[in-house]
Amino acid sequence: MILDSSEVSLADWGSKPAIEVYPGAKLASPAVALKGKPVKVVKRTITTKRDMICLLLSNRRTLQGTADQKVCIWKAGGTKGIEMRCVKIGQKLTGAVDGVKTLVTVTGLMHLNDREERVVDFEIDGRHAYVAEGVWCLS
């Protein structure tokens, strides 16, 4: 689940806040960067959560999500999905900007446990991955 104001990349590489993405929307995915195939939002759930992580990224963006939100880290030989609570400063996250695969370094992180935040959870048809704030997220 990502923060409702997080920018989600659309299939045409435009973007909009997660709260404005509805079922039926086509999102950019890792496959778009590699093969040109977008993913479709089947369902979205809006809720509030307290256990949030904010990742500060080398692309000058921040990605805020629940501690259990999975992102893709780069490891020799490929990518691996891990929960945001396990990400460490200096790790490289796999991402995509304007349809081009990139690596984004985590330059800092903060635990935001003191207040509830509105978050959006997407159920994605097929590949179960999408791009938010330039980072590959797994649904």
C-alpha atoms as a PDB file:
ATOM      1  CA  MET A   1       0.000   0.000   0.000  1.00  0.00           C
ATOM      2  CA  ILE A   2       1.373   3.361  -0.988  1.00  0.00           C
ATOM      3  CA  LEU A   3       0.586   6.843   0.276  1.00  0.00           C
ATOM      4  CA  ASP A   4      -2.465   8.267  -1.500  1.00  0.00           C
ATOM      5  CA  SER A   5      -0.466  11.222  -2.890  1.00  0.00           C
ATOM      6  CA  SER A   6       2.333   9.057  -4.380  1.00  0.00           C
ATOM      7  CA  GLU A   7       2.669   9.570  -8.128  1.00  0.00           C
ATOM      8  CA  VAL A   8       1.771   6.425 -10.062  1.00  0.00           C
ATOM      9  CA  SER A   9       3.029   6.107 -13.667  1.00  0.00           C
ATOM     10  CA  LEU A  10       0.352   5.552 -16.290  1.00  0.00           C
ATOM     11  CA  ALA A  11       0.801   3.341 -19.362  1.00  0.00           C
ATOM     12  CA  ASP A  12       1.614   6.426 -21.478  1.00  0.00           C
ATOM     13  CA  TRP A  13       4.208   7.500 -18.853  1.00  0.00           C
ATOM     14  CA  GLY A  14       2.092  10.378 -17.648  1.00  0.00           C
ATOM     15  CA  SER A  15       1.357  10.179 -13.930  1.00  0.00           C
ATOM     16  CA  LYS A  16      -1.262  10.965 -11.317  1.00  0.00           C
ATOM     17  CA  PRO A  17      -1.634  10.612  -7.557  1.00  0.00           C
ATOM     18  CA  ALA A  18      -2.601   7.110  -6.444  1.00  0.00           C
ATOM     19  CA  ILE A  19      -5.895   8.400  -5.014  1.00  0.00           C
ATOM     20  CA  GLU A  20      -6.953   9.430  -8.562  1.00  0.00           C
ATOM     21  CA  VAL A  21      -6.317   5.981 -10.091  1.00  0.00           C
ATOM     22  CA  TYR A  22      -9.485   3.897 -10.466  1.00  0.00           C
ATOM     23  CA  PRO A  23     -10.220   0.298 -11.510  1.00  0.00           C
ATOM     24  CA  GLY A  24      -9.808  -0.072 -15.257  1.00  0.00           C
ATOM     25  CA  ALA A  25      -6.852   2.325 -15.398  1.00  0.00           C
ATOM     26  CA  LYS A  26      -3.787   1.124 -17.291  1.00  0.00           C
ATOM     27  CA  LEU A  27      -0.518   1.605 -15.433  1.00  0.00           C
ATOM     28  CA  ALA A  28       3.098   1.461 -16.443  1.00  0.00           C
ATOM     29  CA  SER A  29       4.754  -1.688 -15.246  1.00  0.00           C
ATOM     30  CA  PRO A  30       8.204  -3.209 -15.384  1.00  0.00           C
ATOM     31  CA  ALA A  31       6.920  -4.909 -18.534  1.00  0.00           C
ATOM     32  CA  VAL A  32       6.212  -1.518 -20.152  1.00  0.00           C
ATOM     33  CA  ALA A  33       9.870  -0.604 -19.751  1.00  0.00           C
ATOM     34  CA  LEU A  34      10.920  -3.965 -21.140  1.00  0.00           C
ATOM     35  CA  LYS A  35       8.158  -5.143 -23.514  1.00  0.00           C
ATOM     36  CA  GLY A  36       5.536  -2.436 -23.865  1.00  0.00           C
ATOM     37  CA  LYS A  37       2.729  -4.208 -21.946  1.00  0.00           C
ATOM     38  CA  PRO A  38       0.815  -2.138 -19.364  1.00  0.00           C
ATOM     39  CA  VAL A  39      -1.070  -3.596 -16.409  1.00  0.00           C
ATOM     40  CA  LYS A  40      -4.697  -2.952 -15.495  1.00  0.00           C
ATOM     41  CA  VAL A  41      -6.039  -1.980 -12.080  1.00  0.00           C
ATOM     42  CA  VAL A  42      -8.739  -4.502 -11.141  1.00  0.00           C
ATOM     43  CA  LYS A  43      -9.536  -3.160  -7.679  1.00  0.00           C
ATOM     44  CA  ARG A  44      -8.345  -0.440  -5.347  1.00  0.00           C
ATOM     45  CA  THR A  45      -8.785  -0.234  -1.607  1.00  0.00           C
ATOM     46  CA  ILE A  46      -8.370   2.957   0.402  1.00  0.00           C
ATOM     47  CA  THR A  47      -7.636   2.684   4.103  1.00  0.00           C
ATOM     48  CA  THR A  48      -5.542   4.292   6.832  1.00  0.00           C
ATOM     49  CA  LYS A  49      -2.377   2.789   8.228  1.00  0.00           C
ATOM     50  CA  ARG A  50       0.109   3.800  10.883  1.00  0.00           C
ATOM     51  CA  ASP A  51       3.229   1.693  10.155  1.00  0.00           C
ATOM     52  CA  MET A  52       4.661   3.731   7.249  1.00  0.00           C
ATOM     53  CA  ILE A  53       8.133   3.934   5.707  1.00  0.00           C
ATOM     54  CA  CYS A  54       9.413   6.868   3.647  1.00  0.00           C
ATOM     55  CA  LEU A  55      12.276   6.075   1.253  1.00  0.00           C
ATOM     56  CA  LEU A  56      14.388   9.024   0.078  1.00  0.00           C
ATOM     57  CA  LEU A  57      15.604   8.266  -3.448  1.00  0.00           C
ATOM     58  CA  SER A  58      18.483   9.403  -5.643  1.00  0.00           C
ATOM     59  CA  ASN A  59      15.981  10.474  -8.338  1.00  0.00           C
ATOM     60  CA  ARG A  60      14.954  13.252  -5.903  1.00  0.00           C
ATOM     61  CA  ARG A  61      11.644  11.591  -5.147  1.00  0.00           C
ATOM     62  CA  THR A  62      10.271   9.937  -2.046  1.00  0.00           C
ATOM     63  CA  LEU A  63       8.223   6.767  -1.930  1.00  0.00           C
ATOM     64  CA  GLN A  64       5.985   6.353   1.098  1.00  0.00           C
ATOM     65  CA  GLY A  65       4.260   3.088   1.766  1.00  0.00           C
ATOM     66  CA  THR A  66       3.342   0.610   4.430  1.00  0.00           C
ATOM     67  CA  ALA A  67       6.168  -1.373   5.967  1.00  0.00           C
ATOM     68  CA  ASP A  68       4.908  -4.502   4.172  1.00  0.00           C
ATOM     69  CA  GLN A  69       4.710  -2.862   0.689  1.00  0.00           C
ATOM     70  CA  LYS A  70       7.103  -4.721  -1.599  1.00  0.00           C
ATOM     71  CA  VAL A  71       9.588  -2.988  -3.890  1.00  0.00           C
ATOM     72  CA  CYS A  72      12.165  -4.512  -6.256  1.00  0.00           C
ATOM     73  CA  ILE A  73      15.825  -4.312  -5.270  1.00  0.00           C
ATOM     74  CA  TRP A  74      18.641  -4.955  -7.715  1.00  0.00           C
ATOM     75  CA  LYS A  75      20.781  -7.995  -6.964  1.00  0.00           C
ATOM     76  CA  ALA A  76      23.439  -9.564  -9.138  1.00  0.00           C
ATOM     77  CA  GLY A  77      21.592 -11.623 -11.697  1.00  0.00           C
ATOM     78  CA  GLY A  78      18.238  -9.851 -11.422  1.00  0.00           C
ATOM     79  CA  THR A  79      15.716  -8.280  -9.116  1.00  0.00           C
ATOM     80  CA  LYS A  80      14.160  -9.422  -5.877  1.00  0.00           C
ATOM     81  CA  GLY A  81      10.984  -8.189  -4.174  1.00  0.00           C
ATOM     82  CA  ILE A  82      11.417  -7.188  -0.532  1.00  0.00           C
ATOM     83  CA  GLU A  83       9.239  -5.368   1.996  1.00  0.00           C
ATOM     84  CA  MET A  84       9.988  -1.680   2.532  1.00  0.00           C
ATOM     85  CA  ARG A  85      10.776  -2.390   6.216  1.00  0.00           C
ATOM     86  CA  CYS A  86      13.816  -4.435   5.038  1.00  0.00           C
ATOM     87  CA  VAL A  87      15.256  -1.830   2.639  1.00  0.00           C
ATOM     88  CA  LYS A  88      18.603  -0.322   3.683  1.00  0.00           C
ATOM     89  CA  ILE A  89      20.311   2.934   2.776  1.00  0.00           C
ATOM     90  CA  GLY A  90      22.584   2.417  -0.235  1.00  0.00           C
ATOM     91  CA  GLN A  91      20.530  -0.379  -1.773  1.00  0.00           C
ATOM     92  CA  LYS A  92      19.596  -0.009  -5.419  1.00  0.00           C
ATOM     93  CA  LEU A  93      15.933  -0.266  -6.358  1.00  0.00           C
ATOM     94  CA  THR A  94      14.850  -1.211  -9.856  1.00  0.00           C
ATOM     95  CA  GLY A  95      12.762   1.463 -11.473  1.00  0.00           C
ATOM     96  CA  ALA A  96      11.593   3.000 -14.703  1.00  0.00           C
ATOM     97  CA  VAL A  97      11.344   6.590 -15.917  1.00  0.00           C
ATOM     98  CA  ASP A  98       9.675   7.484 -19.225  1.00  0.00           C
ATOM     99  CA  GLY A  99       9.759   3.844 -20.300  1.00  0.00           C
ATOM    100  CA  VAL A 100      13.471   3.359 -19.605  1.00  0.00           C
ATOM    101  CA  LYS A 101      14.670   0.888 -16.973  1.00  0.00           C
ATOM    102  CA  THR A 102      16.743   2.605 -14.267  1.00  0.00           C
ATOM    103  CA  LEU A 103      18.342   1.934 -10.919  1.00  0.00           C
ATOM    104  CA  VAL A 104      17.527   4.276  -8.039  1.00  0.00           C
ATOM    105  CA  THR A 105      19.637   4.388  -4.877  1.00  0.00           C
ATOM    106  CA  VAL A 106      18.023   4.687  -1.444  1.00  0.00           C
ATOM    107  CA  THR A 107      19.705   7.739   0.110  1.00  0.00           C
ATOM    108  CA  GLY A 108      17.694   7.806   3.323  1.00  0.00           C
ATOM    109  CA  LEU A 109      14.687   6.357   5.090  1.00  0.00           C
ATOM    110  CA  MET A 110      12.299   7.374   7.819  1.00  0.00           C
ATOM    111  CA  HIS A 111       9.819   5.433   9.906  1.00  0.00           C
ATOM    112  CA  LEU A 112       6.537   7.329  10.193  1.00  0.00           C
ATOM    113  CA  ASN A 113       4.716   5.577  13.031  1.00  0.00           C
ATOM    114  CA  ASP A 114       3.342   8.591  14.868  1.00  0.00           C
ATOM    115  CA  ARG A 115       0.295   9.326  12.697  1.00  0.00           C
ATOM    116  CA  GLU A 116      -2.195   7.546  10.500  1.00  0.00           C
ATOM    117  CA  GLU A 117      -1.878   8.078   6.752  1.00  0.00           C
ATOM    118  CA  ARG A 118      -4.389   7.375   3.977  1.00  0.00           C
ATOM    119  CA  VAL A 119      -3.023   4.681   1.670  1.00  0.00           C
ATOM    120  CA  VAL A 120      -4.123   3.020  -1.564  1.00  0.00           C
ATOM    121  CA  ASP A 121      -3.733  -0.667  -2.331  1.00  0.00           C
ATOM    122  CA  PHE A 122      -4.040  -1.756  -5.951  1.00  0.00           C
ATOM    123  CA  GLU A 123      -5.020  -5.219  -7.126  1.00  0.00           C
ATOM    124  CA  ILE A 124      -3.308  -5.549 -10.490  1.00  0.00           C
ATOM    125  CA  ASP A 125      -4.340  -7.966 -13.246  1.00  0.00           C
ATOM    126  CA  GLY A 126      -1.588 -10.267 -14.460  1.00  0.00           C
ATOM    127  CA  ARG A 127       1.963  -9.264 -13.579  1.00  0.00           C
ATOM    128  CA  HIS A 128       1.196  -7.722 -10.148  1.00  0.00           C
ATOM    129  CA  ALA A 129       3.731  -4.889 -10.502  1.00  0.00           C
ATOM    130  CA  TYR A 130       3.475  -1.199 -11.284  1.00  0.00           C
ATOM    131  CA  VAL A 131       5.640   1.924 -11.127  1.00  0.00           C
ATOM    132  CA  ALA A 132       5.246   4.561  -8.382  1.00  0.00           C
ATOM    133  CA  GLU A 133       7.652   7.476  -7.907  1.00  0.00           C
ATOM    134  CA  GLY A 134       9.940   5.819 -10.464  1.00  0.00           C
ATOM    135  CA  VAL A 135      10.238   2.551  -8.484  1.00  0.00           C
ATOM    136  CA  TRP A 136       8.832  -0.897  -9.313  1.00  0.00           C
ATOM    137  CA  CYS A 137       6.229  -1.818  -6.693  1.00  0.00           C
ATOM    138  CA  LEU A 138       4.664  -5.236  -6.273  1.00  0.00           C
ATOM    139  CA  SER A 139       0.966  -5.534  -5.470  1.00  0.00           C
END
